[in-house]
Amino acid sequence: MAAKKRRRKRRRTTKTKSHGVFVRQGRVQWLNVAIIVAIGIGLGWIIKTHWLTDPVQQQAAPTMTTHAGFIKKLAPEAQAMQTKYNVLASITLSQAILESDWGQSTNATENNNLFGVKATASEPGKSMTTQEYYDGAYHTVKRRFRVYTSWHASMVAHAKRLAYGPAWSPNHYRAVIKADNYQQAARALAKAGYATDPDYAQKLIQVIQKYDLERYDKK
């Protein structure tokens, strides 16, 4: 009698359920989904505000914590203005320092106005309180100041104003542009009435000497 063949029992194979990041054991892992979405939104915001923003807008009113940092930020632009418009870099830097209080004045932080430039009726401007010297004393007055899109735009406008003068007097600052050194340029600025401060020229010269701003002037 032939022996009966034993039938081998087939083992049932079960499909392994997925254990992915988003689905685990057939269930959607909503917490992981939320984290990934949050990361995506965060990266999108960083790209939009820091990487893809207009470079001019990126320069608007940066925060400076030291005097050296302020000078380092503006020096390359000041030298570029000298190359293109013949305004000494030391003059640009010293005026920016005095007029904007090292970039910390309200005019600089809110209006991107580094040089205390006032706005004409046709230009974008903002009324602000300032100090003007007349009749032998300082007076607190309201003046409308020019609003710029960035510090860079303010520097370009300042250089053009000195190079080409205001509309009513194209050669108004000619002596500043033709000056051989920062001392001549500072005195020419004061004589042309750039500021009402009677000590304006001397203050510019002192700032230039204290921080050795002449080293940025292109010979």
N, C-alpha and C. Protein backbone atom coordinates (compact mmCIF):
# COMPACT_ATOMS: atom_id res chain seq x y z
N MET A 1 0.86 -1.19 0.00
CA MET A 1 0.00 0.00 0.00
C MET A 1 0.88 1.22 0.00
N ALA A 2 0.63 2.00 -0.98
CA ALA A 2 1.50 3.18 -1.13
C ALA A 2 1.21 4.18 -0.05
N ALA A 3 2.31 4.71 0.40
CA ALA A 3 2.16 5.73 1.46
C ALA A 3 1.53 6.99 0.88
N LYS A 4 0.65 7.55 1.70
CA LYS A 4 0.00 8.79 1.25
C LYS A 4 0.98 9.95 1.31
N LYS A 5 1.00 10.68 0.23
CA LYS A 5 1.85 11.87 0.21
C LYS A 5 1.24 12.97 1.08
N ARG A 6 2.14 13.44 1.91
CA ARG A 6 1.68 14.55 2.75
C ARG A 6 1.67 15.84 1.95
N ARG A 7 0.56 16.47 2.05
CA ARG A 7 0.43 17.77 1.37
C ARG A 7 1.04 18.87 2.24
N ARG A 8 1.94 19.57 1.60
CA ARG A 8 2.53 20.71 2.34
C ARG A 8 1.54 21.86 2.39
N LYS A 9 1.41 22.33 3.58
CA LYS A 9 0.51 23.49 3.75
C LYS A 9 1.20 24.75 3.23
N ARG A 10 0.47 25.39 2.38
CA ARG A 10 1.01 26.65 1.87
C ARG A 10 0.83 27.77 2.89
N ARG A 11 1.94 28.44 3.09
CA ARG A 11 1.86 29.57 4.01
C ARG A 11 1.23 30.78 3.31
N ARG A 12 0.34 31.32 4.02
CA ARG A 12 -0.31 32.53 3.46
C ARG A 12 0.60 33.74 3.67
N THR A 13 0.81 34.43 2.59
CA THR A 13 1.64 35.64 2.69
C THR A 13 0.74 36.84 2.84
N THR A 14 1.11 37.64 3.75
CA THR A 14 0.32 38.87 3.98
C THR A 14 1.09 40.06 3.45
N LYS A 15 0.39 40.95 2.86
CA LYS A 15 1.01 42.16 2.32
C LYS A 15 1.39 43.10 3.46
N THR A 16 2.62 43.55 3.39
CA THR A 16 3.09 44.48 4.43
C THR A 16 2.47 45.85 4.19
N LYS A 17 1.88 46.31 5.22
CA LYS A 17 1.26 47.64 5.09
C LYS A 17 2.35 48.71 5.07
N SER A 18 2.07 49.78 4.34
CA SER A 18 3.08 50.82 4.17
C SER A 18 3.33 51.56 5.48
N HIS A 19 4.59 51.84 5.68
CA HIS A 19 5.00 52.58 6.87
C HIS A 19 5.73 53.84 6.43
N GLY A 20 5.15 54.60 5.54
CA GLY A 20 5.78 55.81 5.04
C GLY A 20 5.63 56.98 6.00
N VAL A 21 6.11 58.13 5.53
CA VAL A 21 6.04 59.34 6.36
C VAL A 21 4.62 59.82 6.50
N PHE A 22 3.86 59.72 5.41
CA PHE A 22 2.50 60.26 5.41
C PHE A 22 1.43 59.22 5.73
N VAL A 23 1.72 57.94 5.43
CA VAL A 23 0.73 56.89 5.68
C VAL A 23 1.39 55.79 6.48
N ARG A 24 0.79 55.40 7.56
CA ARG A 24 1.34 54.33 8.40
C ARG A 24 0.20 53.41 8.82
N GLN A 25 0.36 52.13 8.46
CA GLN A 25 -0.67 51.14 8.77
C GLN A 25 -2.04 51.57 8.27
N GLY A 26 -2.00 52.14 7.08
CA GLY A 26 -3.25 52.51 6.43
C GLY A 26 -3.87 53.81 6.92
N ARG A 27 -3.17 54.47 7.81
CA ARG A 27 -3.72 55.72 8.34
C ARG A 27 -2.84 56.90 7.93
N VAL A 28 -3.49 57.97 7.56
CA VAL A 28 -2.77 59.20 7.18
C VAL A 28 -2.20 59.84 8.44
N GLN A 29 -0.90 60.15 8.40
CA GLN A 29 -0.24 60.79 9.54
C GLN A 29 -0.35 62.31 9.39
N TRP A 30 -1.43 62.83 9.88
CA TRP A 30 -1.74 64.26 9.68
C TRP A 30 -0.69 65.18 10.31
N LEU A 31 -0.10 64.77 11.41
CA LEU A 31 0.91 65.60 12.05
C LEU A 31 2.11 65.81 11.13
N ASN A 32 2.55 64.69 10.49
CA ASN A 32 3.68 64.80 9.56
C ASN A 32 3.33 65.66 8.36
N VAL A 33 2.11 65.51 7.88
CA VAL A 33 1.65 66.32 6.75
C VAL A 33 1.69 67.79 7.12
N ALA A 34 1.21 68.11 8.32
CA ALA A 34 1.19 69.51 8.77
C ALA A 34 2.59 70.08 8.89
N ILE A 35 3.54 69.27 9.38
CA ILE A 35 4.92 69.73 9.52
C ILE A 35 5.53 70.05 8.17
N ILE A 36 5.32 69.14 7.20
CA ILE A 36 5.87 69.36 5.85
C ILE A 36 5.27 70.61 5.22
N VAL A 37 3.97 70.80 5.39
CA VAL A 37 3.30 71.99 4.83
C VAL A 37 3.88 73.24 5.46
N ALA A 38 4.08 73.22 6.78
CA ALA A 38 4.62 74.38 7.48
C ALA A 38 6.03 74.71 7.00
N ILE A 39 6.85 73.66 6.79
CA ILE A 39 8.21 73.87 6.28
C ILE A 39 8.16 74.49 4.89
N GLY A 40 7.25 73.99 4.05
CA GLY A 40 7.12 74.53 2.69
C GLY A 40 6.74 76.00 2.70
N ILE A 41 5.79 76.34 3.56
CA ILE A 41 5.37 77.75 3.66
C ILE A 41 6.52 78.61 4.13
N GLY A 42 7.27 78.10 5.12
CA GLY A 42 8.41 78.87 5.65
C GLY A 42 9.47 79.11 4.60
N LEU A 43 9.80 78.07 3.83
CA LEU A 43 10.80 78.23 2.76
C LEU A 43 10.32 79.19 1.70
N GLY A 44 9.04 79.13 1.39
CA GLY A 44 8.48 80.05 0.40
C GLY A 44 8.60 81.49 0.84
N TRP A 45 8.35 81.73 2.13
CA TRP A 45 8.45 83.10 2.66
C TRP A 45 9.88 83.60 2.60
N ILE A 46 10.85 82.71 2.95
CA ILE A 46 12.26 83.10 2.93
C ILE A 46 12.69 83.45 1.51
N ILE A 47 12.28 82.61 0.55
CA ILE A 47 12.65 82.87 -0.84
C ILE A 47 12.06 84.18 -1.33
N LYS A 48 10.80 84.41 -0.97
CA LYS A 48 10.12 85.61 -1.44
C LYS A 48 10.71 86.88 -0.86
N THR A 49 11.05 86.85 0.45
CA THR A 49 11.49 88.07 1.12
C THR A 49 12.99 88.30 1.06
N HIS A 50 13.79 87.25 0.82
CA HIS A 50 15.23 87.42 0.87
C HIS A 50 15.95 87.11 -0.43
N TRP A 51 15.48 86.14 -1.19
CA TRP A 51 16.20 85.73 -2.38
C TRP A 51 15.65 86.33 -3.66
N LEU A 52 14.35 86.48 -3.74
CA LEU A 52 13.77 86.94 -4.99
C LEU A 52 13.30 88.38 -4.94
N THR A 53 13.54 89.05 -3.84
CA THR A 53 13.13 90.44 -3.73
C THR A 53 14.01 91.32 -4.58
N ASP A 54 13.45 92.42 -5.05
CA ASP A 54 14.21 93.40 -5.81
C ASP A 54 15.42 93.84 -4.98
N PRO A 55 16.66 93.79 -5.55
CA PRO A 55 17.85 94.18 -4.80
C PRO A 55 17.76 95.58 -4.22
N VAL A 56 17.11 96.50 -4.92
CA VAL A 56 16.97 97.86 -4.41
C VAL A 56 16.16 97.86 -3.13
N GLN A 57 15.09 97.06 -3.09
CA GLN A 57 14.26 97.00 -1.90
C GLN A 57 15.00 96.33 -0.75
N GLN A 58 15.88 95.37 -1.06
CA GLN A 58 16.63 94.70 -0.01
C GLN A 58 17.52 95.68 0.74
N GLN A 59 17.94 96.74 0.07
CA GLN A 59 18.85 97.68 0.69
C GLN A 59 18.13 98.71 1.55
N ALA A 60 16.84 98.71 1.54
CA ALA A 60 16.10 99.74 2.25
C ALA A 60 16.31 99.65 3.75
N ALA A 61 16.80 100.76 4.30
CA ALA A 61 16.94 100.94 5.73
C ALA A 61 17.47 99.74 6.50
N PRO A 62 18.66 99.24 6.16
CA PRO A 62 19.24 98.16 6.95
C PRO A 62 19.62 98.64 8.34
N THR A 63 19.68 97.73 9.29
CA THR A 63 20.02 98.10 10.65
C THR A 63 21.53 98.04 10.83
N MET A 64 22.10 99.14 11.32
CA MET A 64 23.53 99.19 11.58
C MET A 64 23.76 99.31 13.08
N THR A 65 24.60 98.46 13.62
CA THR A 65 24.82 98.47 15.06
C THR A 65 26.11 99.17 15.45
N THR A 66 26.99 99.41 14.49
CA THR A 66 28.25 100.09 14.78
C THR A 66 28.55 101.14 13.73
N HIS A 67 29.40 102.10 14.10
CA HIS A 67 29.81 103.12 13.14
C HIS A 67 30.62 102.49 12.02
N ALA A 68 31.47 101.54 12.37
CA ALA A 68 32.28 100.86 11.36
C ALA A 68 31.40 100.12 10.37
N GLY A 69 30.32 99.51 10.86
CA GLY A 69 29.40 98.79 9.99
C GLY A 69 28.69 99.72 9.02
N PHE A 70 28.32 100.90 9.50
CA PHE A 70 27.65 101.88 8.65
C PHE A 70 28.58 102.34 7.53
N ILE A 71 29.82 102.66 7.90
CA ILE A 71 30.79 103.10 6.90
C ILE A 71 31.07 101.99 5.88
N LYS A 72 31.25 100.77 6.37
CA LYS A 72 31.53 99.64 5.48
C LYS A 72 30.39 99.41 4.51
N LYS A 73 29.16 99.60 4.97
CA LYS A 73 27.98 99.41 4.12
C LYS A 73 27.94 100.43 2.99
N LEU A 74 28.24 101.69 3.31
CA LEU A 74 28.07 102.75 2.32
C LEU A 74 29.31 103.04 1.47
N ALA A 75 30.49 102.65 1.96
CA ALA A 75 31.74 103.00 1.28
C ALA A 75 31.78 102.59 -0.20
N PRO A 76 31.44 101.35 -0.55
CA PRO A 76 31.49 100.97 -1.97
C PRO A 76 30.58 101.83 -2.85
N GLU A 77 29.39 102.15 -2.34
CA GLU A 77 28.46 103.00 -3.09
C GLU A 77 29.02 104.41 -3.21
N ALA A 78 29.62 104.91 -2.13
CA ALA A 78 30.19 106.26 -2.15
C ALA A 78 31.31 106.35 -3.18
N GLN A 79 32.11 105.31 -3.27
CA GLN A 79 33.18 105.30 -4.27
C GLN A 79 32.63 105.22 -5.69
N ALA A 80 31.55 104.47 -5.85
CA ALA A 80 30.91 104.39 -7.17
C ALA A 80 30.34 105.74 -7.57
N MET A 81 29.79 106.48 -6.60
CA MET A 81 29.27 107.81 -6.88
C MET A 81 30.40 108.76 -7.29
N GLN A 82 31.56 108.60 -6.68
CA GLN A 82 32.69 109.45 -7.05
C GLN A 82 33.13 109.17 -8.48
N THR A 83 33.19 107.89 -8.83
CA THR A 83 33.60 107.51 -10.19
C THR A 83 32.65 108.08 -11.24
N LYS A 84 31.36 108.03 -10.95
CA LYS A 84 30.37 108.44 -11.94
C LYS A 84 30.04 109.93 -11.92
N TYR A 85 30.02 110.53 -10.70
CA TYR A 85 29.55 111.92 -10.59
C TYR A 85 30.59 112.89 -10.02
N ASN A 86 31.78 112.38 -9.70
CA ASN A 86 32.87 113.22 -9.18
C ASN A 86 32.59 113.83 -7.80
N VAL A 87 31.75 113.19 -7.03
CA VAL A 87 31.53 113.61 -5.64
C VAL A 87 32.45 112.78 -4.77
N LEU A 88 33.34 113.43 -4.04
CA LEU A 88 34.30 112.70 -3.22
C LEU A 88 33.58 111.73 -2.28
N ALA A 89 34.09 110.52 -2.19
CA ALA A 89 33.48 109.50 -1.33
C ALA A 89 33.46 109.96 0.12
N SER A 90 34.50 110.66 0.55
CA SER A 90 34.57 111.13 1.94
C SER A 90 33.46 112.13 2.23
N ILE A 91 33.10 112.93 1.24
CA ILE A 91 32.02 113.91 1.41
C ILE A 91 30.68 113.19 1.50
N THR A 92 30.47 112.23 0.62
CA THR A 92 29.22 111.45 0.66
C THR A 92 29.06 110.76 2.01
N LEU A 93 30.12 110.12 2.48
CA LEU A 93 30.06 109.39 3.74
C LEU A 93 29.85 110.31 4.94
N SER A 94 30.59 111.40 4.99
CA SER A 94 30.47 112.32 6.13
C SER A 94 29.10 112.98 6.16
N GLN A 95 28.56 113.32 5.01
CA GLN A 95 27.21 113.91 4.98
C GLN A 95 26.16 112.89 5.43
N ALA A 96 26.30 111.65 4.97
CA ALA A 96 25.36 110.62 5.38
C ALA A 96 25.41 110.42 6.90
N ILE A 97 26.62 110.45 7.45
CA ILE A 97 26.78 110.27 8.90
C ILE A 97 26.10 111.39 9.67
N LEU A 98 26.37 112.64 9.25
CA LEU A 98 25.80 113.79 9.96
C LEU A 98 24.29 113.90 9.76
N GLU A 99 23.85 113.78 8.52
CA GLU A 99 22.44 114.03 8.20
C GLU A 99 21.51 112.92 8.69
N SER A 100 22.03 111.67 8.76
CA SER A 100 21.16 110.56 9.15
C SER A 100 21.45 110.01 10.55
N ASP A 101 22.42 110.63 11.25
CA ASP A 101 22.83 110.14 12.56
C ASP A 101 23.20 108.66 12.48
N TRP A 102 24.12 108.37 11.58
CA TRP A 102 24.61 107.01 11.38
C TRP A 102 23.50 106.05 10.96
N GLY A 103 22.56 106.57 10.18
CA GLY A 103 21.48 105.72 9.66
C GLY A 103 20.38 105.45 10.67
N GLN A 104 20.41 106.11 11.82
CA GLN A 104 19.43 105.83 12.87
C GLN A 104 18.30 106.86 12.95
N SER A 105 18.40 107.94 12.21
CA SER A 105 17.34 108.96 12.27
C SER A 105 16.04 108.43 11.67
N THR A 106 14.94 109.03 12.07
CA THR A 106 13.64 108.63 11.52
C THR A 106 13.59 108.84 10.02
N ASN A 107 14.22 109.91 9.58
CA ASN A 107 14.26 110.21 8.14
C ASN A 107 14.97 109.09 7.37
N ALA A 108 15.99 108.51 7.98
CA ALA A 108 16.75 107.44 7.33
C ALA A 108 16.02 106.11 7.41
N THR A 109 15.43 105.81 8.56
CA THR A 109 14.80 104.50 8.74
C THR A 109 13.42 104.40 8.09
N GLU A 110 12.69 105.52 8.05
CA GLU A 110 11.34 105.49 7.49
C GLU A 110 11.28 105.96 6.04
N ASN A 111 12.13 106.93 5.70
CA ASN A 111 12.08 107.52 4.36
C ASN A 111 13.27 107.12 3.49
N ASN A 112 14.22 106.36 4.05
CA ASN A 112 15.45 106.02 3.32
C ASN A 112 16.21 107.26 2.87
N ASN A 113 16.02 108.35 3.60
CA ASN A 113 16.64 109.63 3.25
C ASN A 113 17.89 109.83 4.10
N LEU A 114 19.06 109.64 3.49
CA LEU A 114 20.32 109.72 4.23
C LEU A 114 20.89 111.12 4.30
N PHE A 115 20.41 112.05 3.47
CA PHE A 115 21.08 113.33 3.33
C PHE A 115 20.20 114.54 3.67
N GLY A 116 19.09 114.30 4.34
CA GLY A 116 18.23 115.41 4.74
C GLY A 116 17.66 116.20 3.58
N VAL A 117 17.43 115.52 2.46
CA VAL A 117 16.94 116.20 1.26
C VAL A 117 15.44 116.48 1.40
N LYS A 118 15.06 117.71 1.09
CA LYS A 118 13.64 118.08 1.16
C LYS A 118 12.96 117.81 -0.17
N ALA A 119 11.67 117.56 -0.11
CA ALA A 119 10.91 117.19 -1.30
C ALA A 119 10.23 118.41 -1.93
N THR A 120 10.20 118.42 -3.23
CA THR A 120 9.44 119.44 -3.94
C THR A 120 7.98 118.99 -3.99
N ALA A 121 7.13 119.86 -4.48
CA ALA A 121 5.69 119.55 -4.53
C ALA A 121 5.38 118.33 -5.39
N SER A 122 6.21 118.09 -6.40
CA SER A 122 5.94 116.97 -7.32
C SER A 122 6.62 115.67 -6.91
N GLU A 123 7.40 115.68 -5.85
CA GLU A 123 8.14 114.51 -5.41
C GLU A 123 7.48 113.85 -4.21
N PRO A 124 7.64 112.53 -4.07
CA PRO A 124 7.09 111.85 -2.89
C PRO A 124 7.79 112.35 -1.63
N GLY A 125 7.01 112.74 -0.65
CA GLY A 125 7.61 113.29 0.56
C GLY A 125 6.78 113.05 1.79
N LYS A 126 7.35 113.40 2.93
CA LYS A 126 6.68 113.21 4.21
C LYS A 126 7.04 114.37 5.13
N SER A 127 6.03 114.97 5.76
CA SER A 127 6.25 116.09 6.67
C SER A 127 6.83 115.58 7.98
N MET A 128 7.94 116.20 8.40
CA MET A 128 8.62 115.78 9.62
C MET A 128 9.14 117.00 10.38
N THR A 129 9.37 116.81 11.67
CA THR A 129 9.94 117.87 12.50
C THR A 129 11.46 117.86 12.38
N THR A 130 12.05 119.04 12.25
CA THR A 130 13.50 119.15 12.13
C THR A 130 13.98 120.44 12.78
N GLN A 131 15.28 120.62 12.82
CA GLN A 131 15.88 121.83 13.38
C GLN A 131 16.52 122.63 12.26
N GLU A 132 16.18 123.90 12.18
CA GLU A 132 16.77 124.80 11.19
C GLU A 132 17.39 125.98 11.92
N TYR A 133 18.55 126.41 11.41
CA TYR A 133 19.24 127.54 12.04
C TYR A 133 18.97 128.82 11.24
N TYR A 134 18.38 129.79 11.89
CA TYR A 134 18.20 131.12 11.28
C TYR A 134 17.97 132.15 12.39
N ASP A 135 18.21 133.39 12.05
CA ASP A 135 18.11 134.50 13.02
C ASP A 135 18.98 134.26 14.24
N GLY A 136 20.13 133.63 14.02
CA GLY A 136 21.08 133.44 15.11
C GLY A 136 20.76 132.34 16.10
N ALA A 137 19.79 131.47 15.79
CA ALA A 137 19.43 130.40 16.72
C ALA A 137 18.78 129.24 15.98
N TYR A 138 18.70 128.09 16.67
CA TYR A 138 18.04 126.92 16.09
C TYR A 138 16.55 126.97 16.41
N HIS A 139 15.75 126.56 15.43
CA HIS A 139 14.29 126.57 15.60
C HIS A 139 13.74 125.20 15.17
N THR A 140 12.76 124.72 15.91
CA THR A 140 12.09 123.48 15.55
C THR A 140 10.96 123.79 14.58
N VAL A 141 11.04 123.19 13.40
CA VAL A 141 10.07 123.49 12.35
C VAL A 141 9.60 122.20 11.67
N LYS A 142 8.56 122.33 10.90
CA LYS A 142 8.04 121.22 10.09
C LYS A 142 8.51 121.41 8.65
N ARG A 143 9.07 120.37 8.09
CA ARG A 143 9.51 120.40 6.70
C ARG A 143 9.10 119.10 6.02
N ARG A 144 8.92 119.16 4.72
CA ARG A 144 8.55 117.97 3.95
C ARG A 144 9.81 117.37 3.33
N PHE A 145 10.13 116.14 3.74
CA PHE A 145 11.36 115.49 3.29
C PHE A 145 11.07 114.44 2.22
N ARG A 146 12.05 114.30 1.36
CA ARG A 146 11.96 113.35 0.24
C ARG A 146 11.94 111.92 0.76
N VAL A 147 11.10 111.09 0.14
CA VAL A 147 11.01 109.67 0.47
C VAL A 147 11.62 108.87 -0.69
N TYR A 148 12.55 107.96 -0.36
CA TYR A 148 13.21 107.13 -1.38
C TYR A 148 12.86 105.65 -1.16
N THR A 149 13.07 104.87 -2.19
CA THR A 149 12.78 103.44 -2.10
C THR A 149 13.87 102.68 -1.36
N SER A 150 15.07 103.26 -1.28
CA SER A 150 16.19 102.57 -0.62
C SER A 150 17.29 103.58 -0.33
N TRP A 151 18.25 103.15 0.48
CA TRP A 151 19.42 103.99 0.73
C TRP A 151 20.20 104.20 -0.57
N HIS A 152 20.26 103.18 -1.38
CA HIS A 152 20.96 103.31 -2.66
C HIS A 152 20.35 104.43 -3.50
N ALA A 153 19.03 104.46 -3.57
CA ALA A 153 18.35 105.51 -4.35
C ALA A 153 18.66 106.88 -3.78
N SER A 154 18.74 106.97 -2.46
CA SER A 154 19.06 108.24 -1.81
C SER A 154 20.46 108.70 -2.17
N MET A 155 21.41 107.77 -2.22
CA MET A 155 22.79 108.12 -2.55
C MET A 155 22.94 108.57 -4.00
N VAL A 156 22.22 107.90 -4.88
CA VAL A 156 22.27 108.28 -6.30
C VAL A 156 21.68 109.68 -6.48
N ALA A 157 20.54 109.94 -5.85
CA ALA A 157 19.90 111.26 -5.97
C ALA A 157 20.79 112.35 -5.40
N HIS A 158 21.47 112.07 -4.30
CA HIS A 158 22.37 113.05 -3.68
C HIS A 158 23.53 113.38 -4.62
N ALA A 159 24.15 112.35 -5.20
CA ALA A 159 25.27 112.56 -6.11
C ALA A 159 24.84 113.36 -7.35
N LYS A 160 23.67 113.03 -7.88
CA LYS A 160 23.17 113.75 -9.06
C LYS A 160 22.87 115.21 -8.73
N ARG A 161 22.36 115.45 -7.54
CA ARG A 161 22.04 116.83 -7.14
C ARG A 161 23.31 117.68 -7.07
N LEU A 162 24.38 117.10 -6.52
CA LEU A 162 25.63 117.85 -6.44
C LEU A 162 26.28 118.00 -7.82
N ALA A 163 26.17 116.97 -8.64
CA ALA A 163 26.80 117.00 -9.96
C ALA A 163 26.07 117.92 -10.94
N TYR A 164 24.73 117.89 -10.89
CA TYR A 164 23.95 118.64 -11.89
C TYR A 164 23.21 119.84 -11.30
N GLY A 165 23.24 119.96 -9.98
CA GLY A 165 22.58 121.08 -9.33
C GLY A 165 21.06 120.96 -9.34
N PRO A 166 20.38 121.79 -8.56
CA PRO A 166 18.92 121.78 -8.60
C PRO A 166 18.43 122.36 -9.93
N ALA A 167 17.18 122.18 -10.24
CA ALA A 167 16.63 122.63 -11.52
C ALA A 167 16.81 124.13 -11.73
N TRP A 168 16.73 124.89 -10.65
CA TRP A 168 16.81 126.34 -10.77
C TRP A 168 18.24 126.87 -10.84
N SER A 169 19.26 125.99 -10.64
CA SER A 169 20.66 126.42 -10.69
C SER A 169 21.57 125.23 -10.97
N PRO A 170 21.72 124.85 -12.23
CA PRO A 170 22.50 123.66 -12.61
C PRO A 170 23.94 123.65 -12.09
N ASN A 171 24.56 124.83 -11.92
CA ASN A 171 25.96 124.91 -11.47
C ASN A 171 26.08 125.28 -9.99
N HIS A 172 25.00 125.06 -9.26
CA HIS A 172 24.95 125.51 -7.87
C HIS A 172 26.06 124.87 -7.01
N TYR A 173 26.37 123.60 -7.26
CA TYR A 173 27.38 122.91 -6.46
C TYR A 173 28.64 122.61 -7.28
N ARG A 174 28.88 123.41 -8.29
CA ARG A 174 30.02 123.19 -9.18
C ARG A 174 31.35 123.18 -8.40
N ALA A 175 31.47 124.07 -7.43
CA ALA A 175 32.70 124.16 -6.64
C ALA A 175 32.94 122.88 -5.83
N VAL A 176 31.87 122.21 -5.44
CA VAL A 176 32.00 120.95 -4.69
C VAL A 176 32.59 119.87 -5.60
N ILE A 177 32.07 119.80 -6.81
CA ILE A 177 32.53 118.80 -7.78
C ILE A 177 33.97 119.06 -8.22
N LYS A 178 34.35 120.32 -8.33
CA LYS A 178 35.68 120.69 -8.80
C LYS A 178 36.73 120.73 -7.69
N ALA A 179 36.34 120.53 -6.45
CA ALA A 179 37.26 120.62 -5.32
C ALA A 179 38.38 119.59 -5.44
N ASP A 180 39.59 119.98 -5.02
CA ASP A 180 40.74 119.08 -5.08
C ASP A 180 40.82 118.15 -3.88
N ASN A 181 40.16 118.53 -2.79
CA ASN A 181 40.21 117.71 -1.59
C ASN A 181 38.93 117.89 -0.78
N TYR A 182 38.77 117.07 0.27
CA TYR A 182 37.53 117.09 1.05
C TYR A 182 37.31 118.39 1.81
N GLN A 183 38.40 119.07 2.20
CA GLN A 183 38.26 120.32 2.92
C GLN A 183 37.65 121.40 2.03
N GLN A 184 38.15 121.49 0.82
CA GLN A 184 37.57 122.44 -0.14
C GLN A 184 36.13 122.10 -0.44
N ALA A 185 35.86 120.82 -0.62
CA ALA A 185 34.50 120.38 -0.94
C ALA A 185 33.54 120.69 0.20
N ALA A 186 33.96 120.45 1.43
CA ALA A 186 33.10 120.70 2.59
C ALA A 186 32.77 122.19 2.71
N ARG A 187 33.75 123.03 2.51
CA ARG A 187 33.52 124.48 2.60
C ARG A 187 32.64 124.96 1.44
N ALA A 188 32.83 124.36 0.27
CA ALA A 188 32.00 124.72 -0.88
C ALA A 188 30.54 124.33 -0.64
N LEU A 189 30.32 123.20 -0.01
CA LEU A 189 28.97 122.77 0.32
C LEU A 189 28.29 123.77 1.26
N ALA A 190 29.02 124.17 2.29
CA ALA A 190 28.46 125.12 3.26
C ALA A 190 28.19 126.47 2.60
N LYS A 191 29.09 126.90 1.76
CA LYS A 191 28.93 128.18 1.07
C LYS A 191 27.73 128.16 0.13
N ALA A 192 27.47 127.01 -0.47
CA ALA A 192 26.34 126.87 -1.39
C ALA A 192 25.01 126.76 -0.64
N GLY A 193 25.08 126.68 0.69
CA GLY A 193 23.86 126.65 1.49
C GLY A 193 23.20 125.28 1.57
N TYR A 194 24.01 124.21 1.50
CA TYR A 194 23.41 122.88 1.58
C TYR A 194 22.67 122.70 2.90
N ALA A 195 23.24 123.21 3.98
CA ALA A 195 22.62 123.13 5.31
C ALA A 195 22.63 124.51 5.96
N THR A 196 21.72 124.70 6.91
CA THR A 196 21.63 125.99 7.60
C THR A 196 22.61 126.08 8.77
N ASP A 197 23.18 124.95 9.19
CA ASP A 197 24.12 124.93 10.30
C ASP A 197 25.37 125.75 9.95
N PRO A 198 25.68 126.79 10.74
CA PRO A 198 26.85 127.63 10.43
C PRO A 198 28.17 126.88 10.58
N ASP A 199 28.18 125.76 11.29
CA ASP A 199 29.40 124.97 11.49
C ASP A 199 29.42 123.71 10.62
N TYR A 200 28.60 123.70 9.60
CA TYR A 200 28.44 122.49 8.79
C TYR A 200 29.75 122.01 8.18
N ALA A 201 30.50 122.90 7.57
CA ALA A 201 31.75 122.51 6.92
C ALA A 201 32.73 121.91 7.93
N GLN A 202 32.88 122.56 9.07
CA GLN A 202 33.82 122.07 10.07
C GLN A 202 33.40 120.72 10.63
N LYS A 203 32.11 120.51 10.78
CA LYS A 203 31.62 119.22 11.28
C LYS A 203 31.92 118.10 10.28
N LEU A 204 31.75 118.39 8.99
CA LEU A 204 32.07 117.40 7.97
C LEU A 204 33.56 117.05 8.01
N ILE A 205 34.38 118.07 8.10
CA ILE A 205 35.84 117.87 8.12
C ILE A 205 36.25 117.05 9.34
N GLN A 206 35.66 117.34 10.48
CA GLN A 206 35.99 116.60 11.71
C GLN A 206 35.61 115.13 11.60
N VAL A 207 34.45 114.87 11.02
CA VAL A 207 34.00 113.48 10.85
C VAL A 207 34.95 112.73 9.91
N ILE A 208 35.32 113.38 8.82
CA ILE A 208 36.22 112.75 7.85
C ILE A 208 37.56 112.42 8.49
N GLN A 209 38.08 113.34 9.28
CA GLN A 209 39.38 113.13 9.91
C GLN A 209 39.30 112.08 11.03
N LYS A 210 38.24 112.12 11.81
CA LYS A 210 38.10 111.18 12.93
C LYS A 210 38.01 109.73 12.46
N TYR A 211 37.29 109.51 11.36
CA TYR A 211 37.09 108.14 10.87
C TYR A 211 37.92 107.83 9.62
N ASP A 212 38.86 108.72 9.32
CA ASP A 212 39.77 108.52 8.19
C ASP A 212 39.01 108.18 6.91
N LEU A 213 37.99 108.97 6.61
CA LEU A 213 37.16 108.70 5.43
C LEU A 213 37.87 109.08 4.13
N GLU A 214 38.93 109.86 4.24
CA GLU A 214 39.66 110.25 3.04
C GLU A 214 40.25 109.03 2.33
N ARG A 215 40.46 107.94 3.08
CA ARG A 215 41.04 106.74 2.46
C ARG A 215 40.15 106.13 1.39
N TYR A 216 38.88 106.53 1.39
CA TYR A 216 37.96 106.01 0.38
C TYR A 216 37.93 106.88 -0.88
N ASP A 217 38.55 108.04 -0.83
CA ASP A 217 38.57 108.92 -1.99
C ASP A 217 39.50 108.33 -3.07
N LYS A 218 39.00 108.29 -4.27
CA LYS A 218 39.80 107.78 -5.38
C LYS A 218 40.66 108.90 -5.92
N LYS A 219 41.95 108.66 -5.97
CA LYS A 219 42.90 109.68 -6.43
C LYS A 219 42.99 109.69 -7.94
